[in-house]
Amino acid sequence: MALALDNLRVGRVYKLVNQGEVRKIEVMSRISGENFKVKDLDTLEHYTLYELLQWGKGKDYDLEEIR
């Protein structure tokens, strides 16, 4: 079962699955409400959570803490 976005914590690492993409992300900071600055641990790029979810949540959407 996917975590709600308001349960994310700065400094924690999560696995995000959405529309066939699997990403390991670390939450760097909270920008506003349910938007966070995150770091992709595979590519080391920085995104906002809004950018990763801007095309919607697919049927395979899952968000879980991994450490």
N, C-alpha and C. Protein backbone atom coordinates (compact mmCIF):
# COMPACT_ATOMS: atom_id res chain seq x y z
N MET A 1 0.84 -1.17 0.00
CA MET A 1 0.00 0.00 0.00
C MET A 1 0.89 1.24 0.00
N ALA A 2 0.59 2.18 -0.85
CA ALA A 2 1.41 3.38 -1.02
C ALA A 2 1.25 4.34 0.16
N LEU A 3 2.35 4.98 0.53
CA LEU A 3 2.32 6.02 1.55
C LEU A 3 1.65 7.27 1.00
N ALA A 4 1.00 8.01 1.85
CA ALA A 4 0.46 9.31 1.46
C ALA A 4 1.62 10.30 1.38
N LEU A 5 1.52 11.26 0.48
CA LEU A 5 2.60 12.22 0.29
C LEU A 5 2.88 13.05 1.53
N ASP A 6 1.88 13.28 2.36
CA ASP A 6 2.12 14.07 3.56
C ASP A 6 2.83 13.27 4.66
N ASN A 7 3.09 11.98 4.42
CA ASN A 7 3.85 11.16 5.36
C ASN A 7 5.34 11.12 5.05
N LEU A 8 5.78 11.76 3.97
CA LEU A 8 7.20 11.76 3.62
C LEU A 8 7.99 12.60 4.62
N ARG A 9 9.21 12.18 4.89
CA ARG A 9 10.06 12.87 5.85
C ARG A 9 11.39 13.21 5.20
N VAL A 10 11.89 14.41 5.49
CA VAL A 10 13.17 14.88 4.95
C VAL A 10 14.28 13.97 5.46
N GLY A 11 15.18 13.57 4.55
CA GLY A 11 16.31 12.71 4.90
C GLY A 11 16.04 11.23 4.75
N ARG A 12 14.81 10.84 4.52
CA ARG A 12 14.47 9.43 4.36
C ARG A 12 14.54 9.02 2.89
N VAL A 13 14.70 7.71 2.65
CA VAL A 13 14.82 7.17 1.30
C VAL A 13 13.57 6.34 0.99
N TYR A 14 13.04 6.53 -0.21
CA TYR A 14 11.81 5.87 -0.63
C TYR A 14 11.97 5.24 -2.00
N LYS A 15 11.18 4.22 -2.26
CA LYS A 15 11.09 3.63 -3.60
C LYS A 15 9.77 4.10 -4.20
N LEU A 16 9.88 4.75 -5.36
CA LEU A 16 8.71 5.28 -6.06
C LEU A 16 8.53 4.49 -7.34
N VAL A 17 7.37 3.88 -7.50
CA VAL A 17 7.00 3.17 -8.73
C VAL A 17 5.82 3.91 -9.32
N ASN A 18 5.95 4.31 -10.59
CA ASN A 18 4.85 5.01 -11.25
C ASN A 18 5.00 4.86 -12.75
N GLN A 19 3.97 4.39 -13.38
CA GLN A 19 3.88 4.24 -14.83
C GLN A 19 5.10 3.52 -15.41
N GLY A 20 5.46 2.42 -14.77
CA GLY A 20 6.53 1.56 -15.26
C GLY A 20 7.94 1.98 -14.87
N GLU A 21 8.10 3.11 -14.21
CA GLU A 21 9.42 3.57 -13.79
C GLU A 21 9.59 3.29 -12.30
N VAL A 22 10.77 2.80 -11.94
CA VAL A 22 11.10 2.55 -10.54
C VAL A 22 12.26 3.47 -10.18
N ARG A 23 12.09 4.27 -9.15
CA ARG A 23 13.14 5.20 -8.72
C ARG A 23 13.35 5.08 -7.23
N LYS A 24 14.61 5.17 -6.82
CA LYS A 24 14.95 5.30 -5.41
C LYS A 24 15.22 6.77 -5.20
N ILE A 25 14.46 7.40 -4.30
CA ILE A 25 14.60 8.83 -4.09
C ILE A 25 14.87 9.13 -2.62
N GLU A 26 15.63 10.18 -2.39
CA GLU A 26 15.86 10.69 -1.04
C GLU A 26 15.21 12.06 -0.97
N VAL A 27 14.42 12.29 0.05
CA VAL A 27 13.76 13.58 0.21
C VAL A 27 14.77 14.57 0.80
N MET A 28 15.03 15.65 0.05
CA MET A 28 16.02 16.65 0.46
C MET A 28 15.39 17.77 1.27
N SER A 29 14.23 18.27 0.84
CA SER A 29 13.56 19.35 1.56
C SER A 29 12.10 19.41 1.15
N ARG A 30 11.31 20.03 2.00
CA ARG A 30 9.89 20.24 1.70
C ARG A 30 9.75 21.63 1.09
N ILE A 31 9.16 21.70 -0.11
CA ILE A 31 8.98 22.98 -0.78
C ILE A 31 7.67 23.62 -0.34
N SER A 32 6.61 22.84 -0.39
CA SER A 32 5.29 23.31 0.02
C SER A 32 4.40 22.10 0.19
N GLY A 33 3.29 22.26 0.89
CA GLY A 33 2.29 21.22 1.07
C GLY A 33 2.74 19.80 0.78
N GLU A 34 2.47 19.31 -0.42
CA GLU A 34 2.84 17.95 -0.81
C GLU A 34 3.92 17.94 -1.88
N ASN A 35 4.69 19.01 -2.00
CA ASN A 35 5.77 19.07 -2.97
C ASN A 35 7.11 19.07 -2.25
N PHE A 36 8.02 18.23 -2.70
CA PHE A 36 9.32 18.06 -2.07
C PHE A 36 10.42 18.13 -3.11
N LYS A 37 11.59 18.56 -2.69
CA LYS A 37 12.78 18.46 -3.53
C LYS A 37 13.37 17.09 -3.23
N VAL A 38 13.57 16.27 -4.27
CA VAL A 38 14.07 14.91 -4.07
C VAL A 38 15.30 14.68 -4.93
N LYS A 39 16.12 13.73 -4.50
CA LYS A 39 17.33 13.35 -5.23
C LYS A 39 17.17 11.91 -5.68
N ASP A 40 17.31 11.67 -6.97
CA ASP A 40 17.27 10.31 -7.52
C ASP A 40 18.60 9.64 -7.17
N LEU A 41 18.59 8.58 -6.42
CA LEU A 41 19.81 7.94 -5.95
C LEU A 41 20.52 7.13 -7.02
N ASP A 42 19.87 6.85 -8.14
CA ASP A 42 20.52 6.13 -9.24
C ASP A 42 21.26 7.09 -10.17
N THR A 43 20.65 8.24 -10.47
CA THR A 43 21.26 9.19 -11.41
C THR A 43 21.84 10.41 -10.72
N LEU A 44 21.55 10.60 -9.43
CA LEU A 44 21.99 11.74 -8.62
C LEU A 44 21.42 13.08 -9.10
N GLU A 45 20.37 13.02 -9.92
CA GLU A 45 19.69 14.25 -10.36
C GLU A 45 18.69 14.69 -9.30
N HIS A 46 18.41 15.98 -9.28
CA HIS A 46 17.42 16.54 -8.36
C HIS A 46 16.15 16.85 -9.13
N TYR A 47 15.02 16.54 -8.52
CA TYR A 47 13.70 16.79 -9.09
C TYR A 47 12.82 17.35 -7.98
N THR A 48 11.64 17.81 -8.39
CA THR A 48 10.60 18.03 -7.40
C THR A 48 9.65 16.84 -7.53
N LEU A 49 8.97 16.52 -6.47
CA LEU A 49 8.03 15.41 -6.52
C LEU A 49 6.92 15.71 -7.53
N TYR A 50 6.57 16.98 -7.66
CA TYR A 50 5.57 17.39 -8.64
C TYR A 50 6.01 16.98 -10.05
N GLU A 51 7.30 17.16 -10.38
CA GLU A 51 7.80 16.77 -11.70
C GLU A 51 7.65 15.27 -11.95
N LEU A 52 7.88 14.48 -10.93
CA LEU A 52 7.79 13.02 -11.09
C LEU A 52 6.35 12.53 -11.21
N LEU A 53 5.40 13.31 -10.66
CA LEU A 53 4.00 12.89 -10.68
C LEU A 53 3.13 13.76 -11.58
N GLN A 54 3.73 14.64 -12.37
CA GLN A 54 2.94 15.60 -13.16
C GLN A 54 2.05 14.94 -14.20
N TRP A 55 2.37 13.76 -14.65
CA TRP A 55 1.54 13.08 -15.66
C TRP A 55 0.53 12.15 -15.02
N GLY A 56 0.39 12.22 -13.70
CA GLY A 56 -0.61 11.42 -13.00
C GLY A 56 -0.02 10.19 -12.36
N LYS A 57 -0.84 9.53 -11.59
CA LYS A 57 -0.43 8.29 -10.92
C LYS A 57 -1.01 7.13 -11.71
N GLY A 58 -0.14 6.22 -12.15
CA GLY A 58 -0.57 5.07 -12.93
C GLY A 58 -1.15 3.97 -12.05
N LYS A 59 -1.60 2.91 -12.69
CA LYS A 59 -2.18 1.77 -11.97
C LYS A 59 -1.14 1.10 -11.08
N ASP A 60 0.15 1.22 -11.43
CA ASP A 60 1.21 0.58 -10.67
C ASP A 60 1.81 1.48 -9.60
N TYR A 61 1.22 2.64 -9.33
CA TYR A 61 1.77 3.61 -8.39
C TYR A 61 1.98 2.99 -7.01
N ASP A 62 3.20 3.16 -6.47
CA ASP A 62 3.52 2.71 -5.13
C ASP A 62 4.63 3.59 -4.58
N LEU A 63 4.57 3.88 -3.32
CA LEU A 63 5.58 4.68 -2.64
C LEU A 63 5.79 4.06 -1.28
N GLU A 64 7.04 3.60 -1.03
CA GLU A 64 7.32 2.96 0.25
C GLU A 64 8.72 3.33 0.73
N GLU A 65 8.87 3.40 2.03
CA GLU A 65 10.18 3.71 2.62
C GLU A 65 11.06 2.48 2.53
N ILE A 66 12.33 2.66 2.15
CA ILE A 66 13.21 1.50 2.03
C ILE A 66 14.34 1.48 3.06
N ARG A 67 14.60 2.59 3.74
CA ARG A 67 15.54 2.54 4.86
C ARG A 67 15.24 3.60 5.85
